[in-house]
Protein backbone atom coordinates (compact mmCIF):
# COMPACT_ATOMS: atom_id res chain seq x y z
CA UNK A 1 2.28 -22.23 37.31
CA UNK A 2 -1.03 -21.24 35.73
CA UNK A 3 -0.67 -17.69 37.00
CA UNK A 4 2.83 -17.39 35.52
CA UNK A 5 1.53 -18.73 32.19
CA UNK A 6 -1.37 -16.26 32.25
CA UNK A 7 0.97 -13.34 33.02
CA UNK A 8 3.29 -14.43 30.20
CA UNK A 9 0.37 -14.71 27.74
CA UNK A 10 -0.91 -11.23 28.64
CA UNK A 11 2.58 -9.75 28.41
CA UNK A 12 3.17 -11.32 24.99
CA UNK A 13 -0.24 -10.11 23.82
CA UNK A 14 0.51 -6.53 24.87
CA UNK A 15 4.01 -6.67 23.38
CA UNK A 16 2.68 -8.11 20.11
CA UNK A 17 0.04 -5.40 19.81
CA UNK A 18 2.63 -2.73 20.54
CA UNK A 19 5.08 -4.04 17.92
CA UNK A 20 2.34 -4.27 15.27
CA UNK A 21 1.29 -0.69 15.95
CA UNK A 22 4.90 0.46 15.62
CA UNK A 23 5.21 -1.11 12.17
CA UNK A 24 2.41 1.05 10.81
CA UNK A 25 -0.90 0.52 9.08
CA UNK A 26 -3.13 2.53 6.80
CA UNK A 27 -6.25 1.79 4.87
CA UNK A 28 -8.15 3.16 1.92
CA UNK A 29 -11.76 2.72 0.83
CA UNK A 30 -12.90 1.73 -2.66
CA UNK A 31 -16.01 3.90 -2.97
CA UNK A 32 -17.39 2.08 -6.03
CA UNK A 33 -16.89 -1.52 -4.93
CA UNK A 34 -17.37 -1.09 -1.19
CA UNK A 35 -13.97 -2.65 -0.46
CA UNK A 36 -11.45 -1.76 2.21
CA UNK A 37 -7.76 -2.12 1.46
CA UNK A 38 -5.55 -2.35 4.53
CA UNK A 39 -1.79 -1.92 4.22
CA UNK A 40 0.93 -3.26 6.45
CA UNK A 41 4.57 -2.73 5.55
CA UNK A 42 4.86 -5.88 3.45
CA UNK A 43 1.28 -6.67 2.44
CA UNK A 44 -2.18 -5.45 1.52
CA UNK A 45 -5.46 -7.09 2.47
CA UNK A 46 -8.49 -6.45 0.27
CA UNK A 47 -11.79 -7.08 2.05
CA UNK A 48 -15.50 -6.42 1.99
CA UNK A 49 -16.78 -6.36 5.54
CA UNK A 50 -15.31 -9.37 7.33
CA UNK A 51 -14.65 -11.31 4.11
CA UNK A 52 -11.15 -11.05 2.66
CA UNK A 53 -11.14 -11.11 -1.14
CA UNK A 54 -7.41 -11.00 -1.82
CA UNK A 55 -3.97 -10.33 -0.39
CA UNK A 56 -0.97 -8.75 -2.05
CA UNK A 57 2.54 -9.41 -0.74
CA UNK A 58 5.26 -6.83 -1.39
CA UNK A 59 8.95 -7.28 -2.13
CA UNK A 60 10.42 -4.33 -0.24
CA UNK A 61 14.02 -5.05 -1.26
CA UNK A 62 13.61 -4.56 -5.03
CA UNK A 63 16.04 -1.93 -6.36
CA UNK A 64 13.37 -0.25 -8.50
CA UNK A 65 10.85 0.10 -5.66
CA UNK A 66 8.29 -2.18 -4.08
CA UNK A 67 6.56 -4.77 -6.22
CA UNK A 68 3.94 -7.50 -5.74
CA UNK A 69 5.24 -11.06 -5.46
CA UNK A 70 3.90 -14.56 -4.81
CA UNK A 71 6.01 -17.65 -4.23
CA UNK A 72 9.18 -15.85 -5.39
CA UNK A 73 7.58 -14.78 -8.68
CA UNK A 74 7.01 -11.13 -9.56
CA UNK A 75 3.29 -10.56 -10.17
CA UNK A 76 3.12 -6.76 -10.52
CA UNK A 77 5.98 -4.34 -11.08
CA UNK A 78 6.60 -0.83 -12.37
CA UNK A 79 9.62 -0.13 -14.57
CA UNK A 80 10.30 2.49 -17.22
CA UNK A 81 6.91 4.15 -16.73
CA UNK A 82 5.08 0.89 -17.46
CA UNK A 83 2.97 -1.28 -15.17
CA UNK A 84 3.65 -4.95 -15.77
CA UNK A 85 1.74 -8.06 -14.75
CA UNK A 86 3.94 -11.16 -14.92
CA UNK A 87 6.25 -9.24 -17.30
CA UNK A 88 3.52 -8.13 -19.72
CA UNK A 89 2.68 -4.40 -19.97
CA UNK A 90 -0.86 -3.74 -18.70
CA UNK A 91 -0.64 -0.03 -17.93
CA UNK A 92 1.21 3.24 -18.36
CA UNK A 93 2.14 5.83 -15.74
CA UNK A 94 1.81 9.51 -16.61
CA UNK A 95 3.98 12.46 -15.62
CA UNK A 96 1.43 13.62 -13.02
CA UNK A 97 1.66 10.32 -11.11
CA UNK A 98 -1.53 8.77 -12.46
CA UNK A 99 -1.93 5.46 -14.29
CA UNK A 100 -3.92 4.09 -17.21
CA UNK A 101 -4.88 0.40 -17.01
CA UNK A 102 -7.04 -1.30 -19.66
CA UNK A 103 -8.07 2.09 -21.05
CA UNK A 104 -9.16 3.46 -17.65
CA UNK A 105 -7.18 6.53 -16.56
CA UNK A 106 -6.83 7.09 -12.82
CA UNK A 107 -5.59 10.35 -11.29
CA UNK A 108 -3.82 9.82 -7.95
CA UNK A 109 -3.87 12.91 -5.73
CA UNK A 110 -1.76 13.14 -2.57
CA UNK A 111 -2.49 16.31 -0.58
CA UNK A 112 -2.27 17.65 2.99
CA UNK A 113 1.19 16.25 3.83
CA UNK A 114 1.77 15.36 7.47
CA UNK A 115 4.02 13.10 9.53
CA UNK A 116 2.91 10.20 11.73
CA UNK A 117 5.00 9.64 14.86
CA UNK A 118 7.62 12.03 13.47
CA UNK A 119 8.83 9.33 11.06
CA UNK A 120 6.26 8.24 8.49
CA UNK A 121 5.01 10.80 5.98
CA UNK A 122 1.25 10.75 5.35
CA UNK A 123 -1.13 12.34 2.86
CA UNK A 124 -4.81 12.63 2.14
CA UNK A 125 -5.37 10.32 -0.85
CA UNK A 126 -8.03 10.68 -3.52
CA UNK A 127 -8.06 8.56 -6.68
CA UNK A 128 -10.40 9.57 -9.49
CA UNK A 129 -11.43 8.06 -12.80
CA UNK A 130 -12.62 11.13 -14.66
CA UNK A 131 -14.82 12.99 -12.15
CA UNK A 132 -15.71 9.84 -10.19
CA UNK A 133 -13.95 9.34 -6.85
CA UNK A 134 -12.79 5.72 -6.69
CA UNK A 135 -10.45 5.53 -3.66
CA UNK A 136 -9.95 7.64 -0.55
CA UNK A 137 -7.79 7.63 2.55
CA UNK A 138 -7.23 10.29 5.18
CA UNK A 139 -3.78 8.92 6.19
CA UNK A 140 -2.08 7.23 3.23
CA UNK A 141 1.39 6.54 4.57
CA UNK A 142 4.86 5.64 3.40
CA UNK A 143 5.27 2.62 5.65
CA UNK A 144 8.80 1.94 4.41
CA UNK A 145 9.97 5.41 5.50
CA UNK A 146 10.40 4.17 9.07
CA UNK A 147 12.96 1.61 7.87
CA UNK A 148 15.00 4.16 5.88
CA UNK A 149 16.52 6.35 8.53
CA UNK A 150 20.11 6.54 7.24
CA UNK A 151 19.69 8.07 4.76
CA UNK A 152 16.00 8.90 5.23
CA UNK A 153 13.58 8.52 2.32
CA UNK A 154 13.08 11.63 0.25
CA UNK A 155 9.60 13.08 -0.22
CA UNK A 156 9.61 11.82 -3.83
CA UNK A 157 10.54 8.26 -2.72
CA UNK A 158 7.83 8.25 -0.04
CA UNK A 159 5.19 9.49 -2.51
CA UNK A 160 6.35 6.87 -5.04
CA UNK A 161 5.85 4.11 -2.46
CA UNK A 162 2.28 5.21 -1.72
CA UNK A 163 1.50 5.55 -5.43
CA UNK A 164 2.89 2.06 -6.14
CA UNK A 165 0.71 0.53 -3.44
CA UNK A 166 -2.35 2.27 -4.89
CA UNK A 167 -1.44 1.34 -8.48
CA UNK A 168 -0.98 -2.31 -7.53
CA UNK A 169 -4.45 -2.32 -5.99
CA UNK A 170 -5.87 -0.70 -9.14
CA UNK A 171 -4.14 -3.38 -11.23
CA UNK A 172 -5.78 -6.07 -9.08
CA UNK A 173 -9.12 -4.27 -9.44
CA UNK A 174 -8.80 -4.08 -13.23
CA UNK A 175 -7.22 -7.46 -13.98
CA UNK A 176 -7.66 -9.68 -10.93
CA UNK A 177 -3.89 -9.74 -10.34
């Protein structure tokens, strides 16, 4: 009986690891603060070393694009070119895809497009405030693209998803959201 239980535990462990890998993950580094932001499809974990500082949970079903929620309340959202925290405008998006929050303008650059596993689009991400590099990632990914196969996400929708994830982190960084 113990052997069967051990085999089942190992099998479930391998299956669980395989399913998690299939869902996708990417991370970015906050160069200034020494933080690592790790993204799963429906959440972001903000950590310094082994210590987690915050978590953001995403509503993936929102018609206007992903947004940050907690206990069924919308915390951060983007609508009409404005970044809102609990309904109040805290930032403005620009035509180039950047954002200004509390007077700090951030340029979000997505370059070197690629595809992970033939499904999820990825980019090299660099976020700057002026000439200072704030955030970087070698494989920023549209994690929701894997769920949108019919019809597939457009390039613009996939880029928007990545930008929203980055903007929501910047909002947390600026306001503690």
